[in-house]
Amino acid sequence: MISFLLTLKRMLSALWRAFKDKEFQVLFFLTTMTLISGTIFYHTVEHWAVLDSLYFSVVTLTTVGFGDFSPQTDFGKIFTIIYLFTGVGLMLGFINKLALHMGRSKTRDREGKSST
């Protein structure tokens, strides 16, 4: 549990620092808008609960794909195909940028400990 909390702290501090990066801000905004649009679409067209719609959007764009939800309408299936092609690259770019900032914070932590 302690290692989880330490990792969470490192991720949140990296996220905080990443917001100073303009490219990260754009990726964050586009990723958020993509997830919101997917959530609204699945809630409206597939008649899923908002939380289920958000869950499906995140699971789909991170390519996890548990398979517990799937679009039942033809329109939903077509949207999902387009949503995947546009959203997966965006989501991976966002995760990559966040991981880079986390790596930088880990390097800073090591440098700070070695200088003391």
C-alpha atoms as a PDB file:
ATOM      1  CA  MET A   1       0.000   0.000   0.000  1.00  0.00           C
ATOM      2  CA  ILE A   2       2.858   2.376   0.765  1.00  0.00           C
ATOM      3  CA  SER A   3       4.477   1.799  -2.631  1.00  0.00           C
ATOM      4  CA  PHE A   4       1.122   2.524  -4.306  1.00  0.00           C
ATOM      5  CA  LEU A   5       0.815   5.807  -2.429  1.00  0.00           C
ATOM      6  CA  LEU A   6       4.382   6.794  -3.309  1.00  0.00           C
ATOM      7  CA  THR A   7       3.769   5.998  -6.979  1.00  0.00           C
ATOM      8  CA  LEU A   8       0.505   7.937  -6.899  1.00  0.00           C
ATOM      9  CA  LYS A   9       2.303  10.919  -5.351  1.00  0.00           C
ATOM     10  CA  ARG A  10       4.984  10.774  -8.060  1.00  0.00           C
ATOM     11  CA  MET A  11       2.353  10.563 -10.800  1.00  0.00           C
ATOM     12  CA  LEU A  12       0.353  13.489  -9.420  1.00  0.00           C
ATOM     13  CA  SER A  13       3.451  15.658  -9.049  1.00  0.00           C
ATOM     14  CA  ALA A  14       4.485  14.776 -12.621  1.00  0.00           C
ATOM     15  CA  LEU A  15       0.977  15.642 -13.793  1.00  0.00           C
ATOM     16  CA  TRP A  16       1.196  18.976 -12.001  1.00  0.00           C
ATOM     17  CA  ARG A  17       4.555  19.785 -13.626  1.00  0.00           C
ATOM     18  CA  ALA A  18       3.359  18.531 -17.018  1.00  0.00           C
ATOM     19  CA  PHE A  19       0.626  21.167 -17.109  1.00  0.00           C
ATOM     20  CA  LYS A  20       3.340  23.790 -17.610  1.00  0.00           C
ATOM     21  CA  ASP A  21       4.128  22.157 -20.981  1.00  0.00           C
ATOM     22  CA  LYS A  22       1.960  23.609 -23.808  1.00  0.00           C
ATOM     23  CA  GLU A  23       2.030  20.355 -25.788  1.00  0.00           C
ATOM     24  CA  PHE A  24       0.808  18.459 -22.736  1.00  0.00           C
ATOM     25  CA  GLN A  25      -1.987  20.987 -22.213  1.00  0.00           C
ATOM     26  CA  VAL A  26      -3.188  20.473 -25.783  1.00  0.00           C
ATOM     27  CA  LEU A  27      -3.011  16.681 -25.475  1.00  0.00           C
ATOM     28  CA  PHE A  28      -4.849  16.802 -22.148  1.00  0.00           C
ATOM     29  CA  PHE A  29      -7.592  18.996 -23.595  1.00  0.00           C
ATOM     30  CA  LEU A  30      -8.022  16.869 -26.737  1.00  0.00           C
ATOM     31  CA  THR A  31      -8.018  13.628 -24.742  1.00  0.00           C
ATOM     32  CA  THR A  32     -10.603  15.017 -22.334  1.00  0.00           C
ATOM     33  CA  MET A  33     -12.812  16.215 -25.195  1.00  0.00           C
ATOM     34  CA  THR A  34     -12.506  12.848 -26.943  1.00  0.00           C
ATOM     35  CA  LEU A  35     -13.519  10.970 -23.796  1.00  0.00           C
ATOM     36  CA  ILE A  36     -16.417  13.357 -23.170  1.00  0.00           C
ATOM     37  CA  SER A  37     -17.657  13.051 -26.754  1.00  0.00           C
ATOM     38  CA  GLY A  38     -17.485   9.259 -26.582  1.00  0.00           C
ATOM     39  CA  THR A  39     -19.295   9.265 -23.252  1.00  0.00           C
ATOM     40  CA  ILE A  40     -22.071  11.476 -24.600  1.00  0.00           C
ATOM     41  CA  PHE A  41     -22.380   9.401 -27.763  1.00  0.00           C
ATOM     42  CA  TYR A  42     -22.632   6.028 -26.020  1.00  0.00           C
ATOM     43  CA  HIS A  43     -24.995   7.425 -23.408  1.00  0.00           C
ATOM     44  CA  THR A  44     -27.264   8.860 -26.098  1.00  0.00           C
ATOM     45  CA  VAL A  45     -27.101   6.215 -28.833  1.00  0.00           C
ATOM     46  CA  GLU A  46     -26.481   2.998 -26.888  1.00  0.00           C
ATOM     47  CA  HIS A  47     -28.538   4.144 -23.853  1.00  0.00           C
ATOM     48  CA  TRP A  48     -25.806   3.196 -21.388  1.00  0.00           C
ATOM     49  CA  ALA A  49     -25.388   4.871 -18.017  1.00  0.00           C
ATOM     50  CA  VAL A  50     -22.963   7.808 -18.017  1.00  0.00           C
ATOM     51  CA  LEU A  51     -20.409   5.903 -15.923  1.00  0.00           C
ATOM     52  CA  ASP A  52     -20.658   2.850 -18.201  1.00  0.00           C
ATOM     53  CA  SER A  53     -20.226   5.104 -21.231  1.00  0.00           C
ATOM     54  CA  LEU A  54     -17.127   6.760 -19.762  1.00  0.00           C
ATOM     55  CA  TYR A  55     -15.761   3.362 -18.717  1.00  0.00           C
ATOM     56  CA  PHE A  56     -16.228   1.982 -22.245  1.00  0.00           C
ATOM     57  CA  SER A  57     -14.590   5.078 -23.765  1.00  0.00           C
ATOM     58  CA  VAL A  58     -11.518   4.767 -21.542  1.00  0.00           C
ATOM     59  CA  VAL A  59     -11.220   0.991 -21.957  1.00  0.00           C
ATOM     60  CA  THR A  60     -11.564   1.336 -25.722  1.00  0.00           C
ATOM     61  CA  LEU A  61      -9.069   4.159 -26.205  1.00  0.00           C
ATOM     62  CA  THR A  62      -6.459   2.577 -23.958  1.00  0.00           C
ATOM     63  CA  THR A  63      -6.878  -0.627 -26.006  1.00  0.00           C
ATOM     64  CA  VAL A  64      -7.667  -2.702 -22.915  1.00  0.00           C
ATOM     65  CA  GLY A  65     -10.990  -3.913 -24.321  1.00  0.00           C
ATOM     66  CA  PHE A  66     -12.441  -6.121 -21.585  1.00  0.00           C
ATOM     67  CA  GLY A  67     -15.431  -6.999 -23.782  1.00  0.00           C
ATOM     68  CA  ASP A  68     -18.064  -6.500 -21.094  1.00  0.00           C
ATOM     69  CA  PHE A  69     -19.686  -3.760 -23.209  1.00  0.00           C
ATOM     70  CA  SER A  70     -20.011  -3.514 -26.962  1.00  0.00           C
ATOM     71  CA  PRO A  71     -22.095  -1.310 -29.218  1.00  0.00           C
ATOM     72  CA  GLN A  72     -25.326  -2.964 -30.338  1.00  0.00           C
ATOM     73  CA  THR A  73     -26.487  -0.464 -32.962  1.00  0.00           C
ATOM     74  CA  ASP A  74     -24.975  -0.154 -36.431  1.00  0.00           C
ATOM     75  CA  PHE A  75     -24.431   3.562 -35.837  1.00  0.00           C
ATOM     76  CA  GLY A  76     -22.637   2.742 -32.575  1.00  0.00           C
ATOM     77  CA  LYS A  77     -20.369   0.252 -34.329  1.00  0.00           C
ATOM     78  CA  ILE A  78     -19.480   2.710 -37.097  1.00  0.00           C
ATOM     79  CA  PHE A  79     -18.804   5.457 -34.546  1.00  0.00           C
ATOM     80  CA  THR A  80     -16.592   3.083 -32.531  1.00  0.00           C
ATOM     81  CA  ILE A  81     -14.474   2.278 -35.589  1.00  0.00           C
ATOM     82  CA  ILE A  82     -13.887   5.972 -36.278  1.00  0.00           C
ATOM     83  CA  TYR A  83     -13.478   6.681 -32.549  1.00  0.00           C
ATOM     84  CA  LEU A  84     -10.750   4.048 -32.290  1.00  0.00           C
ATOM     85  CA  PHE A  85      -8.776   5.292 -35.282  1.00  0.00           C
ATOM     86  CA  THR A  86      -8.799   8.880 -34.075  1.00  0.00           C
ATOM     87  CA  GLY A  87      -8.672   8.356 -30.327  1.00  0.00           C
ATOM     88  CA  VAL A  88      -6.084   5.623 -29.794  1.00  0.00           C
ATOM     89  CA  GLY A  89      -3.184   7.679 -31.163  1.00  0.00           C
ATOM     90  CA  LEU A  90      -4.285  10.684 -29.167  1.00  0.00           C
ATOM     91  CA  MET A  91      -4.574   8.668 -25.955  1.00  0.00           C
ATOM     92  CA  LEU A  92      -1.189   7.005 -26.490  1.00  0.00           C
ATOM     93  CA  GLY A  93       0.409  10.409 -27.138  1.00  0.00           C
ATOM     94  CA  PHE A  94      -1.085  11.715 -23.894  1.00  0.00           C
ATOM     95  CA  ILE A  95       0.073   8.675 -21.883  1.00  0.00           C
ATOM     96  CA  ASN A  96       3.536   8.909 -23.460  1.00  0.00           C
ATOM     97  CA  LYS A  97       3.864  12.591 -22.560  1.00  0.00           C
ATOM     98  CA  LEU A  98       2.763  11.891 -18.973  1.00  0.00           C
ATOM     99  CA  ALA A  99       5.239   8.989 -18.732  1.00  0.00           C
ATOM    100  CA  LEU A 100       8.053  11.255 -19.932  1.00  0.00           C
ATOM    101  CA  HIS A 101       7.248  13.750 -17.195  1.00  0.00           C
ATOM    102  CA  MET A 102       7.112  10.946 -14.624  1.00  0.00           C
ATOM    103  CA  GLY A 103      10.526   9.753 -15.771  1.00  0.00           C
ATOM    104  CA  ARG A 104      11.900  13.250 -15.410  1.00  0.00           C
ATOM    105  CA  SER A 105      10.540  13.509 -11.873  1.00  0.00           C
ATOM    106  CA  LYS A 106      12.134  10.179 -10.960  1.00  0.00           C
ATOM    107  CA  THR A 107      15.475  11.393 -12.344  1.00  0.00           C
ATOM    108  CA  ARG A 108      15.159  14.618 -10.330  1.00  0.00           C
ATOM    109  CA  ASP A 109      14.396  12.617  -7.193  1.00  0.00           C
ATOM    110  CA  ARG A 110      17.538  10.520  -7.689  1.00  0.00           C
ATOM    111  CA  GLU A 111      19.696  13.582  -8.364  1.00  0.00           C
ATOM    112  CA  GLY A 112      18.330  15.295  -5.259  1.00  0.00           C
ATOM    113  CA  LYS A 113      19.143  12.302  -3.048  1.00  0.00           C
ATOM    114  CA  SER A 114      22.664  11.891  -4.424  1.00  0.00           C
ATOM    115  CA  SER A 115      23.575  15.548  -3.886  1.00  0.00           C
ATOM    116  CA  THR A 116      22.701  15.469  -0.177  1.00  0.00           C
END
